Amino acid sequence: MIAGELSLDGRIRPIKGALVLAAKARELGLSGVLLPAENCAEASLVRDIDIFQAVSLSQVVTDLKSGALPLYAEGPKGIGAGKYSTDFSEVKGQWHAKRALEVA
């Protein structure tokens, strides 16, 4: 599966919904997804599918011709880190809103 937005100068721009696309590709039994480099961390949350990164159309064409697509292997960034720069210790009341933010 290939997804991305092509800019006028040939660069591949990020898209919305990369996580859903990767999950659907896995459900369909596809071997991988070629996505803009900015979307690879999000899509790598889906297990058991290869995520390939694209920077420009010329790079994608060259890689497809050579058969050597760049595999995204870094894994998701910041997931489970548990380090947040803000907290709700000074917020009084608003327990519904605080709980909604915690769950999100």
N, C-alpha and C. Protein backbone atom coordinates (compact mmCIF):
# COMPACT_ATOMS: atom_id res chain seq x y z
N MET A 1 0.86 -1.16 0.00
CA MET A 1 0.00 0.00 0.00
C MET A 1 0.91 1.23 0.00
N ILE A 2 0.55 2.21 -0.77
CA ILE A 2 1.32 3.46 -0.86
C ILE A 2 0.36 4.61 -0.58
N ALA A 3 0.78 5.53 0.30
CA ALA A 3 -0.04 6.69 0.61
C ALA A 3 0.87 7.89 0.86
N GLY A 4 0.40 9.06 0.49
CA GLY A 4 1.15 10.29 0.70
C GLY A 4 0.58 11.39 -0.15
N GLU A 5 0.99 12.60 0.13
CA GLU A 5 0.56 13.74 -0.67
C GLU A 5 1.77 14.27 -1.42
N LEU A 6 1.68 14.34 -2.72
CA LEU A 6 2.78 14.79 -3.55
C LEU A 6 2.73 16.30 -3.71
N SER A 7 3.80 16.98 -3.31
CA SER A 7 3.85 18.43 -3.48
C SER A 7 4.34 18.76 -4.88
N LEU A 8 4.22 20.00 -5.27
CA LEU A 8 4.60 20.39 -6.63
C LEU A 8 6.09 20.28 -6.89
N ASP A 9 6.91 20.30 -5.84
CA ASP A 9 8.36 20.18 -6.04
C ASP A 9 8.85 18.73 -5.93
N GLY A 10 7.92 17.77 -5.82
CA GLY A 10 8.29 16.37 -5.81
C GLY A 10 8.46 15.75 -4.45
N ARG A 11 8.39 16.55 -3.39
CA ARG A 11 8.49 15.99 -2.05
C ARG A 11 7.19 15.30 -1.66
N ILE A 12 7.29 14.31 -0.79
CA ILE A 12 6.12 13.60 -0.29
C ILE A 12 5.75 14.22 1.05
N ARG A 13 4.55 14.77 1.12
CA ARG A 13 4.10 15.45 2.33
C ARG A 13 3.32 14.49 3.23
N PRO A 14 3.30 14.77 4.54
CA PRO A 14 2.58 13.88 5.47
C PRO A 14 1.07 13.90 5.24
N ILE A 15 0.43 12.84 5.69
CA ILE A 15 -1.01 12.69 5.54
C ILE A 15 -1.63 12.43 6.91
N LYS A 16 -2.94 12.47 6.97
CA LYS A 16 -3.66 12.11 8.18
C LYS A 16 -4.14 10.67 8.04
N GLY A 17 -4.18 9.95 9.15
CA GLY A 17 -4.72 8.59 9.14
C GLY A 17 -3.73 7.50 8.81
N ALA A 18 -2.45 7.74 9.02
CA ALA A 18 -1.44 6.73 8.70
C ALA A 18 -1.59 5.48 9.55
N LEU A 19 -2.00 5.66 10.79
CA LEU A 19 -2.20 4.52 11.68
C LEU A 19 -3.31 3.61 11.17
N VAL A 20 -4.40 4.20 10.73
CA VAL A 20 -5.53 3.44 10.19
C VAL A 20 -5.14 2.73 8.89
N LEU A 21 -4.37 3.41 8.05
CA LEU A 21 -3.93 2.78 6.80
C LEU A 21 -3.05 1.57 7.06
N ALA A 22 -2.14 1.70 8.03
CA ALA A 22 -1.27 0.58 8.35
C ALA A 22 -2.08 -0.60 8.92
N ALA A 23 -3.05 -0.29 9.76
CA ALA A 23 -3.89 -1.35 10.32
C ALA A 23 -4.70 -2.04 9.23
N LYS A 24 -5.22 -1.28 8.29
CA LYS A 24 -6.00 -1.86 7.18
C LYS A 24 -5.10 -2.70 6.27
N ALA A 25 -3.89 -2.24 6.03
CA ALA A 25 -2.96 -3.00 5.20
C ALA A 25 -2.64 -4.34 5.85
N ARG A 26 -2.46 -4.34 7.17
CA ARG A 26 -2.20 -5.60 7.88
C ARG A 26 -3.43 -6.51 7.79
N GLU A 27 -4.62 -5.92 7.95
CA GLU A 27 -5.87 -6.70 7.86
C GLU A 27 -6.03 -7.33 6.49
N LEU A 28 -5.60 -6.62 5.44
CA LEU A 28 -5.71 -7.13 4.08
C LEU A 28 -4.61 -8.14 3.74
N GLY A 29 -3.65 -8.31 4.65
CA GLY A 29 -2.57 -9.26 4.41
C GLY A 29 -1.45 -8.72 3.56
N LEU A 30 -1.36 -7.39 3.42
CA LEU A 30 -0.28 -6.79 2.64
C LEU A 30 1.03 -6.87 3.42
N SER A 31 2.14 -6.85 2.69
CA SER A 31 3.44 -7.01 3.35
C SER A 31 3.97 -5.72 3.95
N GLY A 32 3.52 -4.56 3.44
CA GLY A 32 4.03 -3.31 3.98
C GLY A 32 3.28 -2.10 3.48
N VAL A 33 3.67 -0.94 4.02
CA VAL A 33 3.06 0.33 3.67
C VAL A 33 4.18 1.32 3.40
N LEU A 34 4.08 2.03 2.28
CA LEU A 34 5.03 3.10 1.95
C LEU A 34 4.37 4.42 2.30
N LEU A 35 4.96 5.15 3.26
CA LEU A 35 4.37 6.38 3.78
C LEU A 35 5.38 7.51 3.80
N PRO A 36 4.91 8.75 3.89
CA PRO A 36 5.83 9.87 4.08
C PRO A 36 6.64 9.66 5.37
N ALA A 37 7.87 10.12 5.36
CA ALA A 37 8.77 9.91 6.50
C ALA A 37 8.17 10.43 7.81
N GLU A 38 7.41 11.52 7.75
CA GLU A 38 6.82 12.11 8.95
C GLU A 38 5.74 11.23 9.57
N ASN A 39 5.16 10.31 8.80
CA ASN A 39 4.09 9.45 9.29
C ASN A 39 4.57 8.08 9.76
N CYS A 40 5.82 7.77 9.57
CA CYS A 40 6.31 6.42 9.86
C CYS A 40 6.26 6.07 11.34
N ALA A 41 6.56 7.01 12.22
CA ALA A 41 6.53 6.71 13.66
C ALA A 41 5.12 6.33 14.09
N GLU A 42 4.13 7.06 13.59
CA GLU A 42 2.74 6.76 13.93
C GLU A 42 2.34 5.38 13.40
N ALA A 43 2.65 5.11 12.16
CA ALA A 43 2.25 3.84 11.54
C ALA A 43 3.00 2.65 12.14
N SER A 44 4.17 2.89 12.71
CA SER A 44 4.95 1.78 13.28
C SER A 44 4.33 1.23 14.56
N LEU A 45 3.29 1.87 15.06
CA LEU A 45 2.57 1.33 16.20
C LEU A 45 1.84 0.04 15.85
N VAL A 46 1.53 -0.14 14.58
CA VAL A 46 0.86 -1.36 14.11
C VAL A 46 1.92 -2.45 13.99
N ARG A 47 1.69 -3.55 14.65
CA ARG A 47 2.65 -4.67 14.66
C ARG A 47 2.45 -5.56 13.42
N ASP A 48 3.50 -6.28 13.09
CA ASP A 48 3.48 -7.30 12.04
C ASP A 48 3.24 -6.75 10.64
N ILE A 49 3.74 -5.55 10.38
CA ILE A 49 3.71 -5.00 9.02
C ILE A 49 4.92 -4.09 8.86
N ASP A 50 5.54 -4.14 7.68
CA ASP A 50 6.72 -3.32 7.42
C ASP A 50 6.28 -1.91 7.02
N ILE A 51 6.99 -0.93 7.54
CA ILE A 51 6.72 0.47 7.22
C ILE A 51 7.93 1.00 6.45
N PHE A 52 7.69 1.49 5.25
CA PHE A 52 8.74 2.04 4.41
C PHE A 52 8.54 3.55 4.32
N GLN A 53 9.66 4.29 4.34
CA GLN A 53 9.54 5.75 4.34
C GLN A 53 9.89 6.35 2.99
N ALA A 54 9.13 7.39 2.64
CA ALA A 54 9.33 8.10 1.39
C ALA A 54 9.58 9.58 1.69
N VAL A 55 10.57 10.14 1.02
CA VAL A 55 10.89 11.56 1.18
C VAL A 55 10.49 12.34 -0.07
N SER A 56 10.79 11.77 -1.23
CA SER A 56 10.45 12.45 -2.49
C SER A 56 10.05 11.42 -3.53
N LEU A 57 9.39 11.89 -4.58
CA LEU A 57 8.94 10.99 -5.64
C LEU A 57 10.14 10.37 -6.35
N SER A 58 11.18 11.17 -6.60
CA SER A 58 12.37 10.62 -7.27
C SER A 58 13.03 9.53 -6.43
N GLN A 59 13.05 9.71 -5.11
CA GLN A 59 13.62 8.69 -4.22
C GLN A 59 12.79 7.41 -4.26
N VAL A 60 11.47 7.55 -4.29
CA VAL A 60 10.59 6.38 -4.34
C VAL A 60 10.79 5.63 -5.65
N VAL A 61 10.86 6.34 -6.76
CA VAL A 61 11.05 5.69 -8.07
C VAL A 61 12.39 4.97 -8.11
N THR A 62 13.44 5.62 -7.63
CA THR A 62 14.77 5.00 -7.61
C THR A 62 14.77 3.75 -6.73
N ASP A 63 14.15 3.85 -5.56
CA ASP A 63 14.11 2.71 -4.64
C ASP A 63 13.29 1.56 -5.19
N LEU A 64 12.17 1.87 -5.86
CA LEU A 64 11.35 0.82 -6.45
C LEU A 64 12.08 0.12 -7.58
N LYS A 65 12.82 0.88 -8.38
CA LYS A 65 13.59 0.27 -9.47
C LYS A 65 14.69 -0.64 -8.94
N SER A 66 15.34 -0.21 -7.85
CA SER A 66 16.43 -1.01 -7.30
C SER A 66 15.93 -2.13 -6.40
N GLY A 67 14.68 -2.04 -5.96
CA GLY A 67 14.12 -3.05 -5.08
C GLY A 67 14.57 -2.91 -3.63
N ALA A 68 15.10 -1.74 -3.28
CA ALA A 68 15.61 -1.52 -1.92
C ALA A 68 14.90 -0.34 -1.27
N LEU A 69 13.69 -0.58 -0.82
CA LEU A 69 12.95 0.48 -0.14
C LEU A 69 13.51 0.68 1.27
N PRO A 70 13.62 1.94 1.72
CA PRO A 70 14.15 2.18 3.07
C PRO A 70 13.13 1.81 4.14
N LEU A 71 13.44 0.79 4.92
CA LEU A 71 12.56 0.30 5.98
C LEU A 71 12.70 1.20 7.20
N TYR A 72 11.57 1.60 7.75
CA TYR A 72 11.57 2.40 8.98
C TYR A 72 11.74 1.46 10.14
N ALA A 73 12.84 1.60 10.88
CA ALA A 73 13.14 0.65 11.94
C ALA A 73 13.31 1.29 13.31
N GLU A 74 13.04 2.59 13.43
CA GLU A 74 13.26 3.27 14.69
C GLU A 74 12.22 2.92 15.74
N GLY A 75 11.03 2.59 15.31
CA GLY A 75 9.95 2.32 16.26
C GLY A 75 9.27 3.61 16.66
N PRO A 76 8.16 3.50 17.34
CA PRO A 76 7.41 4.70 17.74
C PRO A 76 8.20 5.52 18.75
N LYS A 77 8.15 6.83 18.59
CA LYS A 77 8.88 7.71 19.49
C LYS A 77 7.96 8.23 20.58
N GLY A 78 8.46 8.23 21.79
CA GLY A 78 7.74 8.83 22.90
C GLY A 78 6.60 8.00 23.44
N ILE A 79 6.42 6.80 22.97
CA ILE A 79 5.32 5.99 23.47
C ILE A 79 5.76 5.32 24.76
N GLY A 80 4.96 5.49 25.79
CA GLY A 80 5.26 4.87 27.07
C GLY A 80 6.38 5.51 27.84
N ALA A 81 6.83 6.67 27.41
CA ALA A 81 7.94 7.33 28.08
C ALA A 81 7.55 7.76 29.49
N GLY A 82 6.30 8.22 29.65
CA GLY A 82 5.82 8.61 30.96
C GLY A 82 6.42 9.90 31.47
N LYS A 83 7.08 10.66 30.63
CA LYS A 83 7.68 11.92 31.03
C LYS A 83 6.88 13.06 30.41
N TYR A 84 6.20 13.79 31.24
CA TYR A 84 5.37 14.87 30.75
C TYR A 84 5.84 16.17 31.40
N SER A 85 5.80 17.25 30.65
CA SER A 85 6.28 18.53 31.17
C SER A 85 5.21 19.26 31.98
N THR A 86 3.96 18.83 31.91
CA THR A 86 2.90 19.47 32.66
C THR A 86 2.15 18.45 33.51
N ASP A 87 1.49 18.95 34.54
CA ASP A 87 0.64 18.09 35.34
C ASP A 87 -0.60 18.89 35.75
N PHE A 88 -1.51 18.25 36.44
CA PHE A 88 -2.76 18.90 36.83
C PHE A 88 -2.80 19.21 38.33
N SER A 89 -1.65 19.29 38.96
CA SER A 89 -1.62 19.48 40.41
C SER A 89 -2.19 20.82 40.85
N GLU A 90 -2.13 21.83 40.00
CA GLU A 90 -2.64 23.15 40.37
C GLU A 90 -4.07 23.40 39.88
N VAL A 91 -4.64 22.46 39.15
CA VAL A 91 -6.00 22.63 38.63
C VAL A 91 -6.98 22.13 39.70
N LYS A 92 -7.85 23.02 40.13
CA LYS A 92 -8.84 22.68 41.15
C LYS A 92 -10.17 22.37 40.47
N GLY A 93 -10.80 21.28 40.86
CA GLY A 93 -12.08 20.91 40.24
C GLY A 93 -11.85 20.37 38.83
N GLN A 94 -12.83 20.50 37.98
CA GLN A 94 -12.74 20.07 36.58
C GLN A 94 -12.32 18.61 36.45
N TRP A 95 -12.81 17.76 37.33
CA TRP A 95 -12.34 16.38 37.33
C TRP A 95 -12.73 15.63 36.06
N HIS A 96 -13.86 16.01 35.43
CA HIS A 96 -14.24 15.36 34.16
C HIS A 96 -13.23 15.69 33.08
N ALA A 97 -12.86 16.95 32.99
CA ALA A 97 -11.90 17.37 31.96
C ALA A 97 -10.52 16.77 32.21
N LYS A 98 -10.09 16.74 33.48
CA LYS A 98 -8.79 16.15 33.79
C LYS A 98 -8.77 14.66 33.47
N ARG A 99 -9.84 13.98 33.78
CA ARG A 99 -9.92 12.54 33.50
C ARG A 99 -9.91 12.27 31.99
N ALA A 100 -10.62 13.09 31.24
CA ALA A 100 -10.66 12.94 29.78
C ALA A 100 -9.26 13.13 29.20
N LEU A 101 -8.51 14.11 29.69
CA LEU A 101 -7.16 14.33 29.21
C LEU A 101 -6.23 13.19 29.61
N GLU A 102 -6.40 12.64 30.79
CA GLU A 102 -5.58 11.53 31.22
C GLU A 102 -5.81 10.29 30.34
N VAL A 103 -7.06 10.04 30.03
CA VAL A 103 -7.38 8.89 29.18
C VAL A 103 -6.86 9.09 27.77
N ALA A 104 -7.00 10.31 27.25
CA ALA A 104 -6.51 10.59 25.89
C ALA A 104 -5.02 10.48 25.83
